[in-house]
N, C-alpha and C. Protein backbone atom coordinates (compact mmCIF):
# COMPACT_ATOMS: atom_id res chain seq x y z
N MET A 1 1.19 -0.94 0.06
CA MET A 1 -0.04 -0.08 -0.48
C MET A 1 0.73 0.92 -0.25
N THR A 2 2.07 1.28 0.73
CA THR A 2 2.89 2.30 0.83
C THR A 2 3.59 2.71 -0.95
N ASN A 3 3.70 1.57 -1.64
CA ASN A 3 4.12 1.70 -2.82
C ASN A 3 2.90 2.32 -3.45
N LEU A 4 1.92 2.12 -3.37
CA LEU A 4 0.93 2.85 -4.00
C LEU A 4 0.69 4.15 -3.94
N ALA A 5 1.47 4.32 -2.78
CA ALA A 5 1.01 6.14 -2.17
C ALA A 5 2.18 6.92 -2.76
N MET A 6 3.59 6.10 -2.95
CA MET A 6 5.02 6.39 -3.54
C MET A 6 4.90 6.91 -4.79
N MET A 7 3.94 5.93 -5.60
CA MET A 7 3.90 6.11 -6.77
C MET A 7 3.17 7.15 -7.32
N MET A 8 1.96 7.17 -6.58
CA MET A 8 1.16 8.63 -7.08
C MET A 8 1.80 9.78 -6.53
N ALA A 9 2.68 9.56 -5.67
CA ALA A 9 3.61 10.99 -5.02
C ALA A 9 4.31 11.63 -6.40
N ASP A 10 4.91 10.22 -7.07
CA ASP A 10 5.94 10.56 -8.32
C ASP A 10 5.55 10.89 -9.13
N GLU A 11 3.91 10.59 -9.92
CA GLU A 11 3.16 10.71 -10.66
C GLU A 11 2.55 12.31 -10.86
N MET A 12 2.11 12.29 -9.53
CA MET A 12 1.33 13.80 -9.90
C MET A 12 1.73 14.70 -8.65
N PRO A 13 1.90 16.03 -8.69
CA PRO A 13 1.96 16.90 -7.33
C PRO A 13 0.24 16.93 -6.47
N GLY A 14 0.77 16.60 -5.24
CA GLY A 14 -0.56 16.63 -4.87
C GLY A 14 -0.63 14.81 -4.51
N GLY A 15 -0.46 14.02 -5.18
CA GLY A 15 -0.45 12.58 -5.45
C GLY A 15 -0.82 11.92 -3.83
N PHE A 16 -0.05 12.22 -2.92
CA PHE A 16 0.19 11.65 -1.59
C PHE A 16 -0.73 11.99 -0.62
N GLY A 17 -1.35 13.27 -1.02
CA GLY A 17 -2.62 13.96 -0.44
C GLY A 17 -4.33 13.54 -0.83
N LEU A 18 -4.03 12.56 -1.95
CA LEU A 18 -5.23 12.00 -2.55
C LEU A 18 -5.51 11.01 -1.82
N TRP A 19 -3.85 10.23 -2.09
CA TRP A 19 -4.24 8.61 -1.37
C TRP A 19 -4.27 8.65 0.24
N MET A 20 -4.03 9.99 0.86
CA MET A 20 -4.61 9.99 2.35
C MET A 20 -5.49 10.06 2.74
N PHE A 21 -6.01 11.11 1.51
CA PHE A 21 -7.50 11.28 1.51
C PHE A 21 -8.30 10.37 1.19
N LEU A 22 -7.94 9.50 0.38
CA LEU A 22 -8.81 8.21 -0.30
C LEU A 22 -9.09 7.29 1.02
N SER A 23 -7.56 6.97 1.53
CA SER A 23 -7.42 6.14 2.52
C SER A 23 -8.22 6.30 3.89
N ILE A 24 -8.25 7.95 4.12
CA ILE A 24 -9.13 7.86 5.70
C ILE A 24 -10.62 7.89 5.06
N GLY A 25 -10.80 8.59 3.77
CA GLY A 25 -12.39 7.86 3.61
C GLY A 25 -12.54 6.87 3.38
N ALA A 26 -12.12 5.49 3.07
CA ALA A 26 -12.30 4.43 2.83
C ALA A 26 -12.47 3.74 4.78
N VAL A 27 -11.66 4.16 5.48
CA VAL A 27 -11.88 3.43 6.86
C VAL A 27 -12.62 4.57 7.54
N ALA A 28 -13.11 5.70 7.07
CA ALA A 28 -14.42 5.93 7.67
C ALA A 28 -15.56 5.65 7.35
N LEU A 29 -15.40 5.02 6.62
CA LEU A 29 -16.68 4.39 5.89
C LEU A 29 -16.90 2.69 6.43
N PHE A 30 -15.90 2.27 6.26
CA PHE A 30 -15.97 0.76 6.42
C PHE A 30 -15.83 0.60 7.94
N VAL A 31 -15.32 1.68 8.35
CA VAL A 31 -14.99 0.80 10.25
C VAL A 31 -15.44 1.67 11.09
N VAL A 32 -16.05 3.05 10.30
CA VAL A 32 -16.79 4.08 11.32
C VAL A 32 -18.89 3.61 11.07
N PHE A 33 -18.90 4.29 9.82
CA PHE A 33 -20.29 4.63 9.28
C PHE A 33 -21.13 3.17 9.54
N ILE A 34 -20.99 2.24 8.38
CA ILE A 34 -21.57 1.26 8.12
C ILE A 34 -22.18 0.42 9.49
N PRO A 35 -20.85 0.32 10.78
CA PRO A 35 -21.09 -0.45 11.75
C PRO A 35 -22.17 0.52 12.86
N VAL A 36 -22.26 1.70 12.48
CA VAL A 36 -22.76 2.73 13.09
C VAL A 36 -23.95 2.57 12.97
N THR A 37 -24.35 2.90 11.47
CA THR A 37 -25.69 2.15 10.69
C THR A 37 -26.46 1.13 11.33
N THR A 38 -25.78 0.15 11.09
CA THR A 38 -26.32 -1.35 11.47
C THR A 38 -26.61 -1.48 12.80
N TRP A 39 -26.04 -0.69 13.86
CA TRP A 39 -26.38 -0.58 15.36
C TRP A 39 -27.45 0.14 15.35
N ILE A 40 -27.35 1.31 14.78
CA ILE A 40 -28.96 1.88 15.20
C ILE A 40 -30.11 1.29 14.19
N ASP A 41 -29.80 0.78 13.38
CA ASP A 41 -30.89 0.32 12.92
C ASP A 41 -31.38 -1.14 13.86
N SER A 42 -30.36 -1.98 14.43
CA SER A 42 -31.16 -2.94 14.97
C SER A 42 -31.38 -2.51 16.50
N GLN A 43 -31.28 -0.90 17.18
CA GLN A 43 -32.03 -0.69 17.72
C GLN A 43 -33.22 -0.27 17.91
N ARG A 44 -33.63 0.42 16.51
CA ARG A 44 -34.91 0.61 16.13
C ARG A 44 -35.60 -0.33 16.17
N LYS A 45 -35.25 -1.51 15.36
CA LYS A 45 -36.43 -2.72 15.19
C LYS A 45 -36.28 -3.25 16.86
N GLU A 46 -35.23 -3.42 17.38
CA GLU A 46 -35.59 -4.28 18.82
C GLU A 46 -36.88 -3.16 19.40
N ARG A 47 -36.62 -1.67 19.37
CA ARG A 47 -37.64 -0.95 20.08
C ARG A 47 -38.85 -1.41 19.69
N GLU A 48 -38.95 -1.40 18.00
CA GLU A 48 -40.32 -1.68 17.39
C GLU A 48 -41.16 -2.81 18.42
N ALA A 49 -40.11 -3.85 18.36
CA ALA A 49 -40.53 -5.68 18.60
C ALA A 49 -41.27 -5.34 20.02
N PHE A 50 -40.13 -4.20 20.88
CA PHE A 50 -40.45 -4.62 22.25
C PHE A 50 -41.62 -3.43 22.51
N TYR A 51 -42.24 -2.27 21.65
CA TYR A 51 -43.28 -1.76 21.53
C TYR A 51 -44.65 -2.94 21.44
N LYS A 52 -44.72 -3.48 20.28
CA LYS A 52 -45.26 -4.34 19.92
C LYS A 52 -45.60 -5.19 20.91
N SER A 53 -44.71 -5.63 21.14
CA SER A 53 -45.41 -7.43 22.53
C SER A 53 -45.47 -6.91 23.50
N GLU A 54 -45.53 -4.85 23.45
CA GLU A 54 -45.99 -4.54 25.35
C GLU A 54 -47.41 -4.27 24.64
N THR A 55 -47.56 -3.83 23.68
CA THR A 55 -49.33 -3.66 22.78
C THR A 55 -50.35 -4.64 22.77
N VAL A 56 -49.49 -5.85 22.39
CA VAL A 56 -50.52 -7.08 22.49
C VAL A 56 -50.48 -7.78 23.88
N ARG A 57 -49.44 -7.46 25.00
CA ARG A 57 -49.76 -7.75 26.35
C ARG A 57 -50.60 -7.06 27.00
N ARG A 58 -50.94 -5.73 26.77
CA ARG A 58 -51.60 -5.14 27.16
C ARG A 58 -53.25 -5.00 26.95
N LEU A 59 -53.38 -5.88 25.77
CA LEU A 59 -54.65 -5.90 25.12
C LEU A 59 -55.02 -7.72 25.59
N THR A 60 -54.73 -8.16 25.40
CA THR A 60 -54.70 -9.75 26.39
C THR A 60 -55.16 -9.39 27.52
N GLU A 61 -54.51 -8.34 28.18
CA GLU A 61 -55.00 -8.53 29.94
C GLU A 61 -56.10 -7.41 30.17
N SER A 62 -56.13 -6.73 29.02
CA SER A 62 -57.53 -5.88 29.46
C SER A 62 -59.02 -6.36 29.65
N SER A 63 -59.24 -7.33 28.94
CA SER A 63 -60.63 -7.92 28.93
C SER A 63 -60.64 -9.12 28.14
N GLY A 64 -61.64 -10.08 28.22
CA GLY A 64 -62.07 -11.15 27.31
C GLY A 64 -61.98 -10.88 25.78
N ASP A 65 -62.14 -9.47 25.41
CA ASP A 65 -62.48 -8.75 24.33
C ASP A 65 -60.78 -8.62 23.48
N GLY A 66 -60.08 -8.27 24.56
CA GLY A 66 -58.78 -7.75 24.41
C GLY A 66 -58.04 -8.61 23.62
N ALA A 67 -58.15 -10.45 24.02
CA ALA A 67 -57.60 -11.19 23.34
C ALA A 67 -57.98 -11.38 21.94
N LYS A 68 -58.97 -11.01 21.81
CA LYS A 68 -59.36 -11.63 20.10
C LYS A 68 -59.20 -10.34 19.30
N ALA A 69 -59.22 -8.98 20.21
CA ALA A 69 -58.68 -8.05 19.32
C ALA A 69 -56.92 -7.79 19.17
N ALA A 70 -56.35 -8.35 20.18
CA ALA A 70 -54.86 -9.00 20.01
C ALA A 70 -54.22 -10.04 18.72
N ILE A 71 -55.23 -10.70 18.69
CA ILE A 71 -55.20 -11.53 17.65
C ILE A 71 -55.46 -11.31 16.13
N GLU A 72 -56.54 -10.34 16.30
CA GLU A 72 -56.74 -9.56 15.16
C GLU A 72 -55.90 -8.65 14.82
N LEU A 73 -55.27 -8.13 15.64
CA LEU A 73 -53.95 -7.45 15.31
C LEU A 73 -52.80 -7.48 14.67
N LEU A 74 -52.60 -8.76 14.97
CA LEU A 74 -51.25 -9.58 14.90
C LEU A 74 -51.40 -9.85 13.33
N ARG A 75 -53.08 -10.76 13.15
CA ARG A 75 -53.38 -11.02 11.31
C ARG A 75 -53.17 -9.66 10.64
N GLU A 76 -53.70 -8.86 10.99
CA GLU A 76 -53.71 -7.40 10.23
C GLU A 76 -52.14 -7.46 9.89
N GLN A 77 -51.56 -6.79 10.93
CA GLN A 77 -49.89 -6.94 10.72
C GLN A 77 -49.44 -7.69 9.70
N GLU A 78 -49.48 -8.76 9.86
CA GLU A 78 -48.82 -10.39 8.72
C GLU A 78 -49.37 -10.03 7.19
N ARG A 79 -50.82 -9.41 7.23
CA ARG A 79 -51.12 -9.15 6.35
C ARG A 79 -50.65 -7.94 5.29
N LEU A 80 -50.83 -6.62 5.81
CA LEU A 80 -50.06 -5.52 5.65
C LEU A 80 -48.79 -5.81 5.13
N GLY A 81 -47.79 -6.42 5.70
CA GLY A 81 -46.28 -7.21 6.06
C GLY A 81 -46.11 -7.94 4.54
N GLN A 82 -47.05 -8.84 3.93
CA GLN A 82 -46.71 -9.54 2.95
C GLN A 82 -47.46 -8.74 1.76
N ILE A 83 -48.12 -7.74 2.10
CA ILE A 83 -48.82 -6.66 0.86
C ILE A 83 -47.70 -6.01 0.58
N LYS A 84 -46.70 -5.54 1.72
CA LYS A 84 -45.46 -4.58 1.35
C LYS A 84 -44.55 -5.43 0.39
N LYS A 85 -44.15 -6.76 1.19
CA LYS A 85 -43.58 -7.55 0.50
C LYS A 85 -43.42 -7.70 -1.33
N ARG A 86 -44.87 -8.15 -1.50
CA ARG A 86 -45.54 -8.43 -2.76
C ARG A 86 -44.99 -6.95 -3.91
N GLU A 87 -45.37 -6.07 -3.32
CA GLU A 87 -45.44 -4.62 -3.77
C GLU A 87 -43.76 -4.33 -4.32
N GLY A 88 -43.16 -4.68 -2.94
CA GLY A 88 -41.61 -4.39 -3.05
C GLY A 88 -40.96 -5.37 -4.58
N MET A 89 -41.64 -6.37 -4.46
CA MET A 89 -40.86 -7.34 -5.32
C MET A 89 -41.30 -6.90 -7.02
N LYS A 90 -43.00 -6.24 -6.77
CA LYS A 90 -43.20 -5.67 -8.27
C LYS A 90 -42.38 -4.66 -8.65
N ILE A 91 -42.19 -3.85 -7.72
CA ILE A 91 -41.04 -2.33 -8.29
C ILE A 91 -39.74 -2.70 -8.24
N GLY A 92 -39.53 -3.76 -7.58
CA GLY A 92 -37.78 -4.28 -8.00
C GLY A 92 -38.03 -4.80 -9.33
N GLY A 93 -38.90 -5.91 -9.64
CA GLY A 93 -39.41 -6.16 -11.11
C GLY A 93 -38.96 -5.07 -12.09
N VAL A 94 -40.04 -3.95 -12.18
CA VAL A 94 -40.22 -3.47 -13.17
C VAL A 94 -39.09 -2.48 -13.37
N ILE A 95 -37.99 -2.31 -12.09
CA ILE A 95 -37.30 -1.24 -12.24
C ILE A 95 -36.46 -2.07 -12.83
N ASN A 96 -35.42 -3.35 -12.22
CA ASN A 96 -34.80 -4.58 -13.49
C ASN A 96 -35.26 -4.57 -14.72
N LEU A 97 -36.41 -4.76 -14.95
CA LEU A 97 -36.64 -4.54 -16.64
C LEU A 97 -36.47 -3.62 -17.09
N ALA A 98 -36.59 -2.45 -16.55
CA ALA A 98 -36.21 -0.95 -17.32
C ALA A 98 -34.89 -1.06 -17.53
N VAL A 99 -34.28 -1.13 -16.59
CA VAL A 99 -32.54 -0.89 -16.66
C VAL A 99 -31.62 -2.26 -17.81
N GLY A 100 -32.54 -3.32 -18.15
CA GLY A 100 -32.33 -4.10 -18.58
C GLY A 100 -32.57 -3.80 -20.02
N ILE A 101 -33.49 -3.10 -20.52
CA ILE A 101 -34.24 -2.46 -21.78
C ILE A 101 -33.14 -1.21 -21.65
N ALA A 102 -33.08 -0.59 -21.24
CA ALA A 102 -32.26 0.55 -21.42
C ALA A 102 -30.81 0.26 -21.53
N LEU A 103 -30.21 -0.64 -21.19
CA LEU A 103 -28.91 -1.35 -21.22
C LEU A 103 -28.65 -1.58 -22.31
N MET A 104 -29.95 -2.42 -23.14
CA MET A 104 -29.47 -2.89 -24.57
C MET A 104 -29.48 -1.90 -25.21
N ILE A 105 -30.11 -0.98 -25.25
CA ILE A 105 -30.43 0.25 -26.07
C ILE A 105 -28.96 0.71 -25.83
N PHE A 106 -28.61 1.23 -25.08
CA PHE A 106 -27.42 1.82 -24.81
C PHE A 106 -25.85 1.15 -25.57
N LEU A 107 -26.20 -0.12 -25.64
CA LEU A 107 -25.21 -0.72 -25.49
C LEU A 107 -24.84 -1.08 -27.14
N HIS A 108 -26.68 -1.07 -27.79
CA HIS A 108 -26.57 -1.41 -29.22
C HIS A 108 -26.17 -0.07 -30.19
N ALA A 109 -26.59 1.33 -29.20
CA ALA A 109 -26.11 1.90 -29.90
C ALA A 109 -24.57 2.89 -29.74
N LEU A 110 -24.02 2.26 -28.89
CA LEU A 110 -22.73 2.08 -28.40
C LEU A 110 -21.73 1.33 -29.72
N ILE A 111 -22.08 0.04 -28.92
CA ILE A 111 -21.26 -1.06 -30.32
C ILE A 111 -22.30 -1.55 -31.05
N SER A 112 -22.57 -1.02 -32.59
CA SER A 112 -23.73 -1.50 -33.38
C SER A 112 -23.61 -2.97 -34.50
N GLY A 113 -22.03 -2.88 -34.33
CA GLY A 113 -21.42 -4.37 -34.84
C GLY A 113 -21.42 -5.50 -34.36
N GLU A 114 -21.56 -5.46 -33.11
CA GLU A 114 -21.67 -7.03 -32.29
C GLU A 114 -22.69 -7.06 -31.58
N PRO A 115 -23.27 -8.54 -30.54
CA PRO A 115 -24.38 -8.58 -29.96
C PRO A 115 -23.85 -8.28 -28.78
N VAL A 116 -23.30 -7.17 -28.00
CA VAL A 116 -22.83 -6.87 -26.79
C VAL A 116 -24.39 -6.70 -26.16
N TYR A 117 -25.23 -6.15 -26.61
CA TYR A 117 -26.18 -5.34 -26.41
C TYR A 117 -26.83 -6.47 -25.64
N LEU A 118 -26.34 -7.51 -26.04
CA LEU A 118 -27.53 -8.71 -25.22
C LEU A 118 -27.24 -9.04 -23.52
N CYS A 119 -26.47 -8.77 -23.02
CA CYS A 119 -25.61 -8.42 -21.88
C CYS A 119 -26.99 -8.00 -20.84
N GLY A 120 -27.77 -6.87 -21.34
CA GLY A 120 -29.02 -6.05 -21.19
C GLY A 120 -30.10 -6.95 -20.55
N LEU A 121 -30.10 -8.44 -21.23
CA LEU A 121 -31.15 -9.26 -21.05
C LEU A 121 -30.77 -10.13 -19.32
N ILE A 122 -29.43 -10.06 -18.78
CA ILE A 122 -29.30 -10.36 -17.69
C ILE A 122 -30.34 -9.48 -16.81
N PRO A 123 -30.30 -8.00 -16.57
CA PRO A 123 -31.10 -7.32 -15.74
C PRO A 123 -32.32 -7.70 -15.78
N GLY A 124 -32.84 -7.39 -17.19
CA GLY A 124 -33.97 -7.78 -17.82
C GLY A 124 -34.66 -9.00 -17.25
N LEU A 125 -33.96 -10.00 -17.25
CA LEU A 125 -34.37 -11.59 -16.98
C LEU A 125 -34.67 -11.53 -15.32
N ILE A 126 -33.54 -11.11 -15.09
CA ILE A 126 -34.10 -10.91 -13.46
C ILE A 126 -35.63 -10.01 -13.46
N GLY A 127 -35.49 -9.39 -13.79
CA GLY A 127 -36.96 -8.54 -13.49
C GLY A 127 -37.85 -9.08 -13.90
N VAL A 128 -37.87 -9.93 -14.90
CA VAL A 128 -39.35 -10.90 -15.44
C VAL A 128 -39.39 -11.89 -14.23
N ALA A 129 -38.19 -12.18 -13.98
CA ALA A 129 -38.43 -13.47 -12.60
C ALA A 129 -39.03 -13.22 -11.51
N LEU A 130 -38.82 -11.66 -10.89
CA LEU A 130 -39.16 -10.79 -9.89
C LEU A 130 -41.14 -10.69 -9.90
N LEU A 131 -41.34 -10.14 -11.48
CA LEU A 131 -42.42 -10.11 -11.60
C LEU A 131 -43.32 -11.51 -11.52
N ALA A 132 -42.99 -12.16 -12.07
CA ALA A 132 -43.56 -13.63 -12.57
C ALA A 132 -44.08 -13.92 -11.14
N TYR A 133 -42.53 -13.90 -10.31
CA TYR A 133 -43.00 -14.68 -8.71
C TYR A 133 -43.90 -13.96 -8.11
N ALA A 134 -43.83 -12.53 -8.13
CA ALA A 134 -44.65 -11.70 -7.32
C ALA A 134 -46.16 -11.57 -8.11
N LEU A 135 -46.56 -11.88 -9.08
CA LEU A 135 -47.84 -12.10 -9.31
C LEU A 135 -48.17 -13.27 -9.99
N LEU A 136 -47.68 -14.32 -10.02
CA LEU A 136 -48.12 -15.75 -10.21
C LEU A 136 -47.84 -16.55 -8.96
N LEU A 137 -46.59 -16.55 -8.44
CA LEU A 137 -46.27 -17.88 -7.30
C LEU A 137 -46.32 -17.41 -5.64
N SER A 138 -46.34 -15.88 -5.49
CA SER A 138 -46.26 -15.55 -4.06
C SER A 138 -47.49 -15.78 -3.21
N PRO A 139 -47.94 -16.17 -2.19
CA PRO A 139 -48.72 -16.58 -1.58
C PRO A 139 -50.06 -14.94 -1.17
N LYS A 140 -50.65 -15.08 -1.95
CA LYS A 140 -51.80 -13.96 -1.95
C LYS A 140 -52.01 -13.95 -0.37
N PRO A 141 -52.32 -12.56 -0.18
CA PRO A 141 -52.57 -11.71 0.57
C PRO A 141 -54.12 -12.80 1.30
N GLU A 142 -54.42 -12.86 2.32
CA GLU A 142 -55.87 -13.22 3.04
C GLU A 142 -56.29 -11.92 3.38
């Protein structure tokens, strides 16, 4: 790694400074930012699970109808989660399909003599698979 810094310092003025900047940025990203955001997200999920369990516990303790209401609340949350997952897969499929089509057009315009544009089929077919699963194979919410 030091050889890279020396090579950059020899080739361009301020090359070592650029190398230091990029090194510090990479360390800050992978050692500080990503673990902190992961920790914050896990804390949020834990807090949400705690609040949900407390709400269900209080509903079940409140009265005889509280248990029915708690079960109905859990079913409704599960149904909404399934709908959200299906819609996310639909959106992901449409985006992948659009990226595949755009990539095929771009590569065909860039290199017209070779069939390089067929690389756009990769994200396009992934999008088709996501859409097919979301529309045909995934379990329907009740």
